[in-house]
PDB file of N, CA and C in Angstrom:
ATOM      1  N   MET A   1      92.657-125.407  32.662  1.00  0.00           N
ATOM      2  CA  MET A   1      92.041-125.054  31.403  1.00  0.00           C
ATOM      3  C   MET A   1      90.935-126.046  31.055  1.00  0.00           C
ATOM      4  N   VAL A   2      91.126-127.290  31.446  1.00  0.00           N
ATOM      5  CA  VAL A   2      90.114-128.308  31.168  1.00  0.00           C
ATOM      6  C   VAL A   2      88.840-128.001  31.949  1.00  0.00           C
ATOM      7  N   ILE A   3      88.991-127.583  33.181  1.00  0.00           N
ATOM      8  CA  ILE A   3      87.826-127.262  34.005  1.00  0.00           C
ATOM      9  C   ILE A   3      87.078-126.071  33.413  1.00  0.00           C
ATOM     10  N   PHE A   4      87.819-125.085  32.897  1.00  0.00           N
ATOM     11  CA  PHE A   4      87.192-123.927  32.258  1.00  0.00           C
ATOM     12  C   PHE A   4      86.319-124.371  31.087  1.00  0.00           C
ATOM     13  N   LEU A   5      86.868-125.193  30.221  1.00  0.00           N
ATOM     14  CA  LEU A   5      86.113-125.653  29.053  1.00  0.00           C
ATOM     15  C   LEU A   5      84.924-126.526  29.450  1.00  0.00           C
ATOM     16  N   LEU A   6      85.113-127.359  30.455  1.00  0.00           N
ATOM     17  CA  LEU A   6      84.024-128.207  30.930  1.00  0.00           C
ATOM     18  C   LEU A   6      82.877-127.366  31.483  1.00  0.00           C
ATOM     19  N   LEU A   7      83.200-126.357  32.264  1.00  0.00           N
ATOM     20  CA  LEU A   7      82.160-125.504  32.828  1.00  0.00           C
ATOM     21  C   LEU A   7      81.457-124.675  31.756  1.00  0.00           C
ATOM     22  N   VAL A   8      82.199-124.265  30.722  1.00  0.00           N
ATOM     23  CA  VAL A   8      81.560-123.547  29.618  1.00  0.00           C
ATOM     24  C   VAL A   8      80.573-124.473  28.905  1.00  0.00           C
ATOM     25  N   LEU A   9      80.961-125.725  28.673  1.00  0.00           N
ATOM     26  CA  LEU A   9      80.052-126.678  28.037  1.00  0.00           C
ATOM     27  C   LEU A   9      78.809-126.935  28.888  1.00  0.00           C
ATOM     28  N   VAL A  10      78.988-127.043  30.191  1.00  0.00           N
ATOM     29  CA  VAL A  10      77.848-127.255  31.090  1.00  0.00           C
ATOM     30  C   VAL A  10      76.917-126.046  31.051  1.00  0.00           C
ATOM     31  N   ALA A  11      77.500-124.838  31.062  1.00  0.00           N
ATOM     32  CA  ALA A  11      76.687-123.624  31.019  1.00  0.00           C
ATOM     33  C   ALA A  11      75.897-123.532  29.720  1.00  0.00           C
ATOM     34  N   VAL A  12      76.543-123.870  28.605  1.00  0.00           N
ATOM     35  CA  VAL A  12      75.847-123.830  27.315  1.00  0.00           C
ATOM     36  C   VAL A  12      74.738-124.880  27.273  1.00  0.00           C
ATOM     37  N   ALA A  13      75.019-126.072  27.757  1.00  0.00           N
ATOM     38  CA  ALA A  13      74.005-127.134  27.751  1.00  0.00           C
ATOM     39  C   ALA A  13      72.802-126.748  28.615  1.00  0.00           C
ATOM     40  N   LEU A  14      73.052-126.207  29.787  1.00  0.00           N
ATOM     41  CA  LEU A  14      71.943-125.769  30.650  1.00  0.00           C
ATOM     42  C   LEU A  14      71.158-124.643  29.999  1.00  0.00           C
ATOM     43  N   GLY A  15      71.865-123.739  29.331  1.00  0.00           N
ATOM     44  CA  GLY A  15      71.192-122.646  28.639  1.00  0.00           C
ATOM     45  C   GLY A  15      70.300-123.147  27.526  1.00  0.00           C
ATOM     46  N   ILE A  16      70.789-124.087  26.742  1.00  0.00           N
ATOM     47  CA  ILE A  16      69.987-124.633  25.644  1.00  0.00           C
ATOM     48  C   ILE A  16      68.759-125.374  26.175  1.00  0.00           C
ATOM     49  N   ILE A  17      68.954-126.162  27.203  1.00  0.00           N
ATOM     50  CA  ILE A  17      67.825-126.885  27.803  1.00  0.00           C
ATOM     51  C   ILE A  17      66.825-125.906  28.403  1.00  0.00           C
ATOM     52  N   GLY A  18      67.343-124.853  29.048  1.00  0.00           N
ATOM     53  CA  GLY A  18      66.459-123.859  29.657  1.00  0.00           C
ATOM     54  C   GLY A  18      65.626-123.103  28.638  1.00  0.00           C
ATOM     55  N   VAL A  19      66.199-122.837  27.463  1.00  0.00           N
ATOM     56  CA  VAL A  19      65.451-122.138  26.421  1.00  0.00           C
ATOM     57  C   VAL A  19      64.477-123.084  25.734  1.00  0.00           C
ATOM     58  N   ALA A  20      64.907-124.305  25.467  1.00  0.00           N
ATOM     59  CA  ALA A  20      64.100-125.240  24.682  1.00  0.00           C
ATOM     60  C   ALA A  20      62.917-125.804  25.467  1.00  0.00           C
ATOM     61  N   ALA A  21      63.125-126.109  26.729  1.00  0.00           N
ATOM     62  CA  ALA A  21      62.065-126.740  27.518  1.00  0.00           C
ATOM     63  C   ALA A  21      61.169-125.672  28.136  1.00  0.00           C
ATOM     64  N   ASP A  22      59.892-125.869  28.009  1.00  0.00           N
ATOM     65  CA  ASP A  22      58.929-124.923  28.556  1.00  0.00           C
ATOM     66  C   ASP A  22      58.890-125.037  30.076  1.00  0.00           C
ATOM     67  N   GLY A  23      59.050-123.920  30.754  1.00  0.00           N
ATOM     68  CA  GLY A  23      58.971-123.901  32.208  1.00  0.00           C
ATOM     69  C   GLY A  23      60.283-124.192  32.909  1.00  0.00           C
ATOM     70  N   LEU A  24      61.384-124.319  32.166  1.00  0.00           N
ATOM     71  CA  LEU A  24      62.681-124.576  32.792  1.00  0.00           C
ATOM     72  C   LEU A  24      63.625-123.391  32.596  1.00  0.00           C
ATOM     73  N   GLY A  25      63.085-122.206  32.712  1.00  0.00           N
ATOM     74  CA  GLY A  25      63.881-120.989  32.554  1.00  0.00           C
ATOM     75  C   GLY A  25      64.949-120.845  33.622  1.00  0.00           C
ATOM     76  N   TYR A  26      64.725-121.475  34.768  1.00  0.00           N
ATOM     77  CA  TYR A  26      65.723-121.392  35.820  1.00  0.00           C
ATOM     78  C   TYR A  26      67.029-122.074  35.404  1.00  0.00           C
ATOM     79  N   LEU A  27      66.955-123.056  34.505  1.00  0.00           N
ATOM     80  CA  LEU A  27      68.187-123.677  34.018  1.00  0.00           C
ATOM     81  C   LEU A  27      69.001-122.687  33.189  1.00  0.00           C
ATOM     82  N   LEU A  28      68.315-121.833  32.439  1.00  0.00           N
ATOM     83  CA  LEU A  28      69.003-120.785  31.693  1.00  0.00           C
ATOM     84  C   LEU A  28      69.703-119.836  32.651  1.00  0.00           C
ATOM     85  N   ALA A  29      69.030-119.457  33.731  1.00  0.00           N
ATOM     86  CA  ALA A  29      69.635-118.567  34.724  1.00  0.00           C
ATOM     87  C   ALA A  29      70.840-119.226  35.382  1.00  0.00           C
ATOM     88  N   ILE A  30      70.739-120.489  35.712  1.00  0.00           N
ATOM     89  CA  ILE A  30      71.863-121.212  36.316  1.00  0.00           C
ATOM     90  C   ILE A  30      73.025-121.285  35.335  1.00  0.00           C
ATOM     91  N   GLY A  31      72.732-121.534  34.062  1.00  0.00           N
ATOM     92  CA  GLY A  31      73.780-121.578  33.043  1.00  0.00           C
ATOM     93  C   GLY A  31      74.500-120.253  32.914  1.00  0.00           C
ATOM     94  N   ILE A  32      73.753-119.150  32.959  1.00  0.00           N
ATOM     95  CA  ILE A  32      74.370-117.821  32.875  1.00  0.00           C
ATOM     96  C   ILE A  32      75.247-117.562  34.090  1.00  0.00           C
ATOM     97  N   VAL A  33      74.771-117.923  35.267  1.00  0.00           N
ATOM     98  CA  VAL A  33      75.560-117.720  36.490  1.00  0.00           C
ATOM     99  C   VAL A  33      76.847-118.544  36.440  1.00  0.00           C
ATOM    100  N   ILE A  34      76.765-119.779  35.990  1.00  0.00           N
ATOM    101  CA  ILE A  34      77.960-120.627  35.880  1.00  0.00           C
ATOM    102  C   ILE A  34      78.940-120.031  34.885  1.00  0.00           C
ATOM    103  N   PHE A  35      78.437-119.529  33.760  1.00  0.00           N
ATOM    104  CA  PHE A  35      79.311-118.944  32.750  1.00  0.00           C
ATOM    105  C   PHE A  35      80.015-117.700  33.284  1.00  0.00           C
ATOM    106  N   VAL A  36      79.296-116.826  33.965  1.00  0.00           N
ATOM    107  CA  VAL A  36      79.897-115.607  34.516  1.00  0.00           C
ATOM    108  C   VAL A  36      80.930-115.955  35.584  1.00  0.00           C
ATOM    109  N   ALA A  37      80.619-116.919  36.437  1.00  0.00           N
ATOM    110  CA  ALA A  37      81.572-117.338  37.468  1.00  0.00           C
ATOM    111  C   ALA A  37      82.821-117.946  36.840  1.00  0.00           C
ATOM    112  N   ASP A  38      82.634-118.690  35.765  1.00  0.00           N
ATOM    113  CA  ASP A  38      83.758-119.318  35.082  1.00  0.00           C
ATOM    114  C   ASP A  38      84.661-118.279  34.435  1.00  0.00           C
ATOM    115  N   VAL A  39      84.074-117.282  33.802  1.00  0.00           N
ATOM    116  CA  VAL A  39      84.872-116.221  33.193  1.00  0.00           C
ATOM    117  C   VAL A  39      85.619-115.434  34.270  1.00  0.00           C
ATOM    118  N   ALA A  40      84.977-115.171  35.391  1.00  0.00           N
ATOM    119  CA  ALA A  40      85.648-114.478  36.493  1.00  0.00           C
ATOM    120  C   ALA A  40      86.800-115.316  37.037  1.00  0.00           C
ATOM    121  N   PHE A  41      86.591-116.614  37.154  1.00  0.00           N
ATOM    122  CA  PHE A  41      87.633-117.510  37.662  1.00  0.00           C
ATOM    123  C   PHE A  41      88.850-117.518  36.738  1.00  0.00           C
ATOM    124  N   ILE A  42      88.617-117.628  35.426  1.00  0.00           N
ATOM    125  CA  ILE A  42      89.738-117.683  34.493  1.00  0.00           C
ATOM    126  C   ILE A  42      90.450-116.331  34.429  1.00  0.00           C
ATOM    127  N   THR A  43      89.735-115.236  34.639  1.00  0.00           N
ATOM    128  CA  THR A  43      90.361-113.916  34.673  1.00  0.00           C
ATOM    129  C   THR A  43      91.278-113.785  35.876  1.00  0.00           C
ATOM    130  N   VAL A  44      90.833-114.262  37.028  1.00  0.00           N
ATOM    131  CA  VAL A  44      91.665-114.210  38.236  1.00  0.00           C
ATOM    132  C   VAL A  44      92.895-115.099  38.059  1.00  0.00           C
ATOM    133  N   GLN A  45      92.712-116.274  37.490  1.00  0.00           N
ATOM    134  CA  GLN A  45      93.845-117.173  37.268  1.00  0.00           C
ATOM    135  C   GLN A  45      94.854-116.557  36.309  1.00  0.00           C
ATOM    136  N   GLY A  46      94.374-115.886  35.277  1.00  0.00           N
ATOM    137  CA  GLY A  46      95.259-115.253  34.314  1.00  0.00           C
ATOM    138  C   GLY A  46      96.034-114.099  34.914  1.00  0.00           C
ATOM    139  N   SER A  47      95.410-113.354  35.808  1.00  0.00           N
ATOM    140  CA  SER A  47      96.097-112.229  36.424  1.00  0.00           C
ATOM    141  C   SER A  47      97.130-112.698  37.441  1.00  0.00           C
ATOM    142  N   ARG A  48      96.924-113.858  38.012  1.00  0.00           N
ATOM    143  CA  ARG A  48      97.907-114.392  38.956  1.00  0.00           C
ATOM    144  C   ARG A  48      99.167-114.871  38.250  1.00  0.00           C
ATOM    145  N   ARG A  49      99.014-115.382  37.044  1.00  0.00           N
ATOM    146  CA  ARG A  49     100.156-115.919  36.320  1.00  0.00           C
ATOM    147  C   ARG A  49     101.065-114.838  35.762  1.00  0.00           C
ATOM    148  N   VAL A  50     100.530-113.658  35.544  1.00  0.00           N
ATOM    149  CA  VAL A  50     101.347-112.571  34.998  1.00  0.00           C
ATOM    150  C   VAL A  50     102.149-111.980  36.147  1.00  0.00           C
ATOM    151  N   ARG A  51     103.415-112.167  36.054  1.00  0.00           N
ATOM    152  CA  ARG A  51     104.292-111.607  37.088  1.00  0.00           C
ATOM    153  C   ARG A  51     105.189-110.579  36.422  1.00  0.00           C
ATOM    154  N   ARG A  52     105.085-109.389  36.892  1.00  0.00           N
ATOM    155  CA  ARG A  52     105.854-108.316  36.311  1.00  0.00           C
ATOM    156  C   ARG A  52     107.228-108.262  36.951  1.00  0.00           C
ATOM    157  N   ARG A  53     108.216-108.238  36.121  1.00  0.00           N
ATOM    158  CA  ARG A  53     109.587-108.114  36.611  1.00  0.00           C
ATOM    159  C   ARG A  53     109.958-106.635  36.674  1.00  0.00           C
ATOM    160  N   PRO A  54     110.682-106.251  37.692  1.00  0.00           N
ATOM    161  CA  PRO A  54     111.075-104.836  37.781  1.00  0.00           C
ATOM    162  C   PRO A  54     112.050-104.460  36.653  1.00  0.00           C
ATOM    163  N   VAL A  55     111.926-103.245  36.183  1.00  0.00           N
ATOM    164  CA  VAL A  55     112.806-102.748  35.138  1.00  0.00           C
ATOM    165  C   VAL A  55     114.149-102.414  35.765  1.00  0.00           C
ATOM    166  N   ARG A  56     115.211-102.885  35.124  1.00  0.00           N
ATOM    167  CA  ARG A  56     116.549-102.629  35.683  1.00  0.00           C
ATOM    168  C   ARG A  56     117.182-101.437  35.067  1.00  0.00           C
TER     169      ARG A  56
END
């Protein structure tokens, strides 16, 4: 969970720098890619933890 939050902060920081600085739009793109990868990672981790027990 700590890694998830850290990566979200990095993505937001890169996005802000990419928007604010002229000519650094690629940082915004990198921030978006990191954020999407992070959300996908946490979704996969969440689906692995859910273990369905058979109904008796």
